[in-house]
Protein backbone atom coordinates (compact mmCIF):
# COMPACT_ATOMS: atom_id res chain seq x y z
CA UNK A 1 188.15 177.41 50.79
CA UNK A 2 187.08 175.66 53.96
CA UNK A 3 187.04 177.90 57.01
CA UNK A 4 189.60 175.87 58.99
CA UNK A 5 192.12 176.36 56.15
CA UNK A 6 191.89 180.12 56.47
CA UNK A 7 193.39 180.09 59.98
CA UNK A 8 196.58 178.27 59.01
CA UNK A 9 197.36 179.02 55.37
CA UNK A 10 199.74 181.88 54.51
CA UNK A 11 197.62 182.65 51.43
CA UNK A 12 194.25 181.49 50.20
CA UNK A 13 191.82 182.40 47.44
CA UNK A 14 188.46 183.77 48.61
CA UNK A 15 186.68 184.11 45.29
CA UNK A 16 187.13 184.29 41.53
CA UNK A 17 184.95 185.91 38.89
CA UNK A 18 184.94 186.39 35.13
CA UNK A 19 183.00 189.24 33.52
CA UNK A 20 182.72 189.42 29.75
CA UNK A 21 181.96 192.81 28.24
CA UNK A 22 181.51 194.78 31.46
CA UNK A 23 178.33 196.70 30.67
CA UNK A 24 177.80 198.33 34.07
CA UNK A 25 180.12 200.36 36.25
CA UNK A 26 181.74 198.08 38.82
CA UNK A 27 181.96 199.84 42.16
CA UNK A 28 183.42 198.60 45.43
CA UNK A 29 184.19 200.12 48.82
CA UNK A 30 185.47 198.47 52.03
CA UNK A 31 185.92 195.09 50.36
CA UNK A 32 187.87 193.11 53.00
CA UNK A 33 190.25 191.23 50.68
CA UNK A 34 193.03 192.04 48.22
CA UNK A 35 192.44 191.49 44.51
CA UNK A 36 194.26 190.85 41.26
CA UNK A 37 192.27 191.83 38.17
CA UNK A 38 193.33 190.70 34.69
CA UNK A 39 192.00 192.50 31.62
CA UNK A 40 191.27 189.73 29.11
CA UNK A 41 190.07 191.99 26.29
CA UNK A 42 189.37 195.59 25.33
CA UNK A 43 190.04 198.65 27.45
CA UNK A 44 188.52 200.17 30.57
CA UNK A 45 189.07 202.86 33.16
CA UNK A 46 189.85 202.43 36.85
CA UNK A 47 189.17 205.29 39.27
CA UNK A 48 190.60 204.93 42.77
CA UNK A 49 191.59 206.73 45.93
CA UNK A 50 194.80 207.98 44.34
CA UNK A 51 192.64 210.53 42.49
CA UNK A 52 193.93 209.64 39.01
CA UNK A 53 191.79 207.74 36.51
CA UNK A 54 193.93 205.18 34.68
CA UNK A 55 193.44 203.07 31.56
CA UNK A 56 193.38 199.27 31.83
CA UNK A 57 194.03 197.39 28.57
CA UNK A 58 194.26 193.78 27.42
CA UNK A 59 196.96 191.86 29.28
CA UNK A 60 197.17 194.31 32.22
CA UNK A 61 197.14 192.75 35.67
CA UNK A 62 196.19 195.21 38.39
CA UNK A 63 196.62 194.68 42.13
CA UNK A 64 193.98 196.42 44.30
CA UNK A 65 194.51 196.74 48.03
CA UNK A 66 191.73 195.75 50.40
CA UNK A 67 189.19 198.26 51.74
CA UNK A 68 189.78 200.96 49.12
CA UNK A 69 187.13 202.78 47.12
CA UNK A 70 187.38 202.09 43.40
CA UNK A 71 185.34 201.74 40.24
CA UNK A 72 185.89 200.04 36.89
CA UNK A 73 184.07 201.08 33.74
CA UNK A 74 184.16 200.01 30.14
CA UNK A 75 185.68 201.94 27.27
CA UNK A 76 185.57 199.28 24.59
CA UNK A 77 184.77 195.53 24.83
CA UNK A 78 186.15 195.46 28.38
CA UNK A 79 186.35 191.98 29.95
CA UNK A 80 188.12 190.90 33.14
CA UNK A 81 189.01 188.02 35.41
CA UNK A 82 189.29 188.68 39.12
CA UNK A 83 190.92 186.83 42.04
CA UNK A 84 190.16 187.92 45.63
CA UNK A 85 192.62 186.59 48.21
CA UNK A 86 193.89 186.85 51.76
CA UNK A 87 195.90 184.90 54.34
CA UNK A 88 197.82 185.24 57.58
CA UNK A 89 201.07 186.07 55.73
CA UNK A 90 199.68 188.16 52.90
CA UNK A 91 200.20 191.58 54.52
CA UNK A 92 203.90 190.95 55.19
CA UNK A 93 204.36 189.42 51.76
CA UNK A 94 202.81 192.42 50.00
CA UNK A 95 204.81 194.89 52.09
CA UNK A 96 208.00 193.04 51.19
CA UNK A 97 207.28 193.74 47.53
CA UNK A 98 206.24 197.34 48.27
CA UNK A 99 202.63 196.78 47.20
CA UNK A 100 201.62 199.75 49.35
CA UNK A 101 199.71 201.96 46.89
CA UNK A 102 195.97 201.53 46.53
CA UNK A 103 196.47 200.21 43.00
CA UNK A 104 199.56 198.65 41.41
CA UNK A 105 199.90 197.91 37.70
CA UNK A 106 202.01 194.76 37.42
CA UNK A 107 204.43 194.82 34.44
CA UNK A 108 203.25 192.56 31.61
CA UNK A 109 205.08 189.25 31.14
CA UNK A 110 204.24 185.68 30.19
CA UNK A 111 205.34 184.50 33.63
CA UNK A 112 202.87 186.81 35.37
CA UNK A 113 200.08 185.95 32.92
CA UNK A 114 200.66 182.20 33.36
CA UNK A 115 200.81 182.44 37.16
CA UNK A 116 197.47 184.28 37.20
CA UNK A 117 195.77 181.67 35.02
CA UNK A 118 197.18 178.76 37.03
CA UNK A 119 195.78 180.27 40.26
CA UNK A 120 192.45 181.12 38.63
CA UNK A 121 191.95 177.78 36.87
CA UNK A 122 193.02 175.77 39.91
CA UNK A 123 190.42 177.42 42.13
CA UNK A 124 187.74 177.09 39.45
CA UNK A 125 188.48 173.35 39.19
CA UNK A 126 188.45 172.66 42.95
CA UNK A 127 188.09 175.54 45.40
CA UNK A 128 189.09 173.36 48.38
CA UNK A 129 192.35 172.04 46.90
CA UNK A 130 195.32 172.93 49.12
CA UNK A 131 197.31 173.58 45.91
CA UNK A 132 195.34 176.81 45.53
CA UNK A 133 197.30 178.26 48.44
CA UNK A 134 200.59 177.40 46.71
CA UNK A 135 199.37 178.85 43.41
CA UNK A 136 198.29 182.10 45.10
CA UNK A 137 201.59 182.37 46.97
CA UNK A 138 203.41 181.95 43.66
CA UNK A 139 201.23 184.54 41.90
CA UNK A 140 201.98 187.19 44.55
CA UNK A 141 205.69 186.38 44.34
CA UNK A 142 205.84 186.53 40.54
CA UNK A 143 203.88 189.79 40.44
CA UNK A 144 205.98 191.25 43.26
CA UNK A 145 209.29 190.36 41.66
CA UNK A 146 208.15 191.79 38.34
CA UNK A 147 207.00 195.01 40.00
CA UNK A 148 210.18 195.45 42.05
CA UNK A 149 212.49 194.75 39.12
CA UNK A 150 210.68 197.34 37.00
CA UNK A 151 211.37 200.13 39.50
CA UNK A 152 214.80 201.77 39.89
CA UNK A 153 216.46 200.91 43.19
CA UNK A 154 217.45 204.51 43.91
CA UNK A 155 215.83 207.76 42.86
CA UNK A 156 218.01 210.22 41.01
CA UNK A 157 217.95 213.84 42.29
CA UNK A 158 215.78 214.74 39.29
CA UNK A 159 213.36 211.87 40.06
CA UNK A 160 213.08 213.06 43.66
CA UNK A 161 212.38 216.65 42.62
CA UNK A 162 209.82 215.49 40.04
CA UNK A 163 207.94 213.32 42.53
CA UNK A 164 208.14 215.68 45.50
CA UNK A 165 207.22 218.64 43.29
CA UNK A 166 204.16 216.79 42.01
CA UNK A 167 203.26 215.93 45.61
CA UNK A 168 203.51 219.65 46.46
CA UNK A 169 200.98 220.37 43.70
CA UNK A 170 198.63 217.70 45.05
CA UNK A 171 198.86 219.08 48.58
CA UNK A 172 198.08 222.62 47.44
CA UNK A 173 195.59 221.96 44.65
CA UNK A 174 192.86 223.93 46.47
CA UNK A 175 194.89 227.13 45.91
CA UNK A 176 193.85 229.07 42.83
CA UNK A 177 197.46 230.19 42.33
CA UNK A 178 199.93 227.75 43.87
CA UNK A 179 202.91 229.50 45.46
CA UNK A 180 206.04 227.40 44.90
CA UNK A 181 208.32 229.72 46.92
CA UNK A 182 208.52 227.48 50.02
CA UNK A 183 209.25 224.41 47.89
CA UNK A 184 211.90 226.18 45.79
CA UNK A 185 213.60 227.57 48.88
CA UNK A 186 213.61 224.19 50.62
CA UNK A 187 215.15 222.34 47.66
CA UNK A 188 217.35 225.23 46.49
CA UNK A 189 216.22 225.21 42.87
CA UNK A 190 214.70 227.81 40.58
CA UNK A 191 211.22 227.77 39.06
CA UNK A 192 212.85 227.32 35.64
CA UNK A 193 214.75 224.23 36.83
CA UNK A 194 211.58 222.76 38.32
CA UNK A 195 209.70 223.46 35.10
CA UNK A 196 212.40 221.69 33.04
CA UNK A 197 212.32 218.63 35.34
CA UNK A 198 208.53 218.40 35.06
CA UNK A 199 208.74 218.55 31.25
CA UNK A 200 211.43 215.85 31.21
CA UNK A 201 209.61 213.54 33.62
CA UNK A 202 205.91 214.11 32.85
CA UNK A 203 205.92 215.79 29.44
CA UNK A 204 204.09 218.77 30.97
CA UNK A 205 205.29 222.15 32.22
CA UNK A 206 204.26 223.46 35.63
CA UNK A 207 201.01 225.06 34.51
CA UNK A 208 200.04 222.04 32.41
CA UNK A 209 200.73 219.66 35.29
CA UNK A 210 198.70 221.78 37.72
CA UNK A 211 195.81 221.88 35.25
CA UNK A 212 196.03 218.12 34.64
CA UNK A 213 195.89 217.30 38.34
CA UNK A 214 193.24 219.93 39.08
CA UNK A 215 190.96 218.37 36.48
CA UNK A 216 191.69 214.80 37.55
CA UNK A 217 190.95 215.85 41.13
CA UNK A 218 187.68 217.37 39.90
CA UNK A 219 186.78 214.06 38.23
CA UNK A 220 187.61 212.28 41.47
CA UNK A 221 185.32 214.69 43.36
CA UNK A 222 182.46 213.68 41.09
CA UNK A 223 183.26 210.02 41.74
CA UNK A 224 183.81 210.38 45.51
CA UNK A 225 181.12 212.84 46.50
CA UNK A 226 178.32 211.04 44.71
CA UNK A 227 175.95 213.87 43.87
CA UNK A 228 175.61 216.52 41.20
CA UNK A 229 175.61 219.65 43.37
CA UNK A 230 179.20 220.92 43.26
CA UNK A 231 178.79 224.52 44.36
CA UNK A 232 180.18 223.42 47.74
CA UNK A 233 183.23 221.64 46.28
CA UNK A 234 184.60 223.84 43.49
CA UNK A 235 187.00 225.69 45.81
CA UNK A 236 188.54 222.41 47.04
CA UNK A 237 189.67 221.84 43.46
CA UNK A 238 191.09 225.37 43.14
CA UNK A 239 188.40 226.95 40.98
CA UNK A 240 187.29 230.55 41.39
CA UNK A 241 183.58 229.80 41.02
CA UNK A 242 181.08 227.00 40.35
CA UNK A 243 180.70 228.35 36.83
CA UNK A 244 184.43 227.94 36.18
CA UNK A 245 184.28 224.43 37.65
CA UNK A 246 181.50 223.39 35.27
CA UNK A 247 183.05 225.12 32.24
CA UNK A 248 186.57 223.70 32.68
CA UNK A 249 185.23 220.25 33.49
CA UNK A 250 183.28 220.12 30.23
CA UNK A 251 186.29 221.26 28.19
CA UNK A 252 188.60 218.72 29.83
CA UNK A 253 186.30 215.68 29.97
CA UNK A 254 184.30 216.43 26.81
CA UNK A 255 181.12 216.00 28.83
CA UNK A 256 179.24 217.82 31.54
CA UNK A 257 179.62 217.05 35.25
CA UNK A 258 176.22 215.35 35.23
CA UNK A 259 177.12 213.22 32.21
CA UNK A 260 180.37 212.13 33.84
CA UNK A 261 178.53 211.39 37.08
CA UNK A 262 176.14 209.09 35.22
CA UNK A 263 179.00 207.45 33.36
CA UNK A 264 181.03 206.65 36.48
CA UNK A 265 178.19 205.73 38.81
CA UNK A 266 175.80 204.26 36.26
CA UNK A 267 172.32 205.33 35.33
CA UNK A 268 170.64 202.79 37.57
CA UNK A 269 171.33 204.48 40.88
CA UNK A 270 172.13 202.46 44.00
CA UNK A 271 170.64 199.23 42.63
CA UNK A 272 173.51 198.91 40.16
CA UNK A 273 175.95 198.15 42.98
CA UNK A 274 174.20 194.99 44.14
CA UNK A 275 175.03 192.65 41.28
CA UNK A 276 178.70 193.31 40.53
CA UNK A 277 180.18 190.35 42.33
CA UNK A 278 178.93 186.79 42.61
CA UNK A 279 180.63 186.53 45.97
CA UNK A 280 181.18 183.28 47.80
CA UNK A 281 181.84 185.28 50.96
CA UNK A 282 178.36 185.46 52.43
CA UNK A 283 179.16 187.77 55.33
CA UNK A 284 180.43 190.56 53.03
CA UNK A 285 178.07 193.48 52.45
CA UNK A 286 178.87 196.04 49.79
CA UNK A 287 178.68 199.47 51.47
CA UNK A 288 178.15 202.70 49.63
CA UNK A 289 180.16 205.80 50.53
CA UNK A 290 178.66 207.83 53.33
CA UNK A 291 178.38 210.80 50.98
CA UNK A 292 176.36 208.93 48.35
CA UNK A 293 173.11 210.84 47.81
CA UNK A 294 172.15 211.11 44.16
CA UNK A 295 169.89 214.01 43.38
CA UNK A 296 167.32 213.72 40.64
CA UNK A 297 165.63 216.58 38.91
């Protein structure tokens, strides 16, 4: 898109990209534009700042907010199409549809799928066509309406307890034994009632949910910290010792910490990050996390 368009258009497409059979880990941090990513085949994993690794499968369209740290990796025959976009009205438009989380999975529908392809194909045909702005505006609107309509307008009391209780676990995950007394007193419920709500909402009791998040947080630590020396970080995840950290990680992930590190970051070290995107935005520089310092034996 020509530079003078960017100052006046409410939305515009910055870049598109298609990757067939993603063989390397795609990593990005501080990317200055929002993105929609469509999985065109297979399955993959996305790891983001929300600390939970999620599965992306064929037909999923994922919205990724600008400037967040995330990675995509292949599970099986994972292929994607990507649209990076921005505009002087985009922030307000996204807020209107409550696209506030780092990552939003847009509900699957033919309307959403068609809107994505129209925007993608239009830009591929002529990147300077003013119709691209209209197509992008429509894509955000279709995705936003689908996302909003899929969410209940009002939380039930049980939904509120489930979500706030899970948030309490997240906030206190560094504790080896999480004390729920303040939460129970505040919301005037018993530990049995909270346990039943967790089972109904998440399919896990309190201990299972704590373990699930503790291990997902441990996986995120491997992804975020960027080195294989975790003696300094085990207590932040609520483990008693480095040995427990390593042992529980292997049981949960079916691989060692080092193996997971290599899987998420890629075997090629820092060089792997340089060829993920064939960007048209020449002034963008992919920056690695400040903590990135791989250690080799």
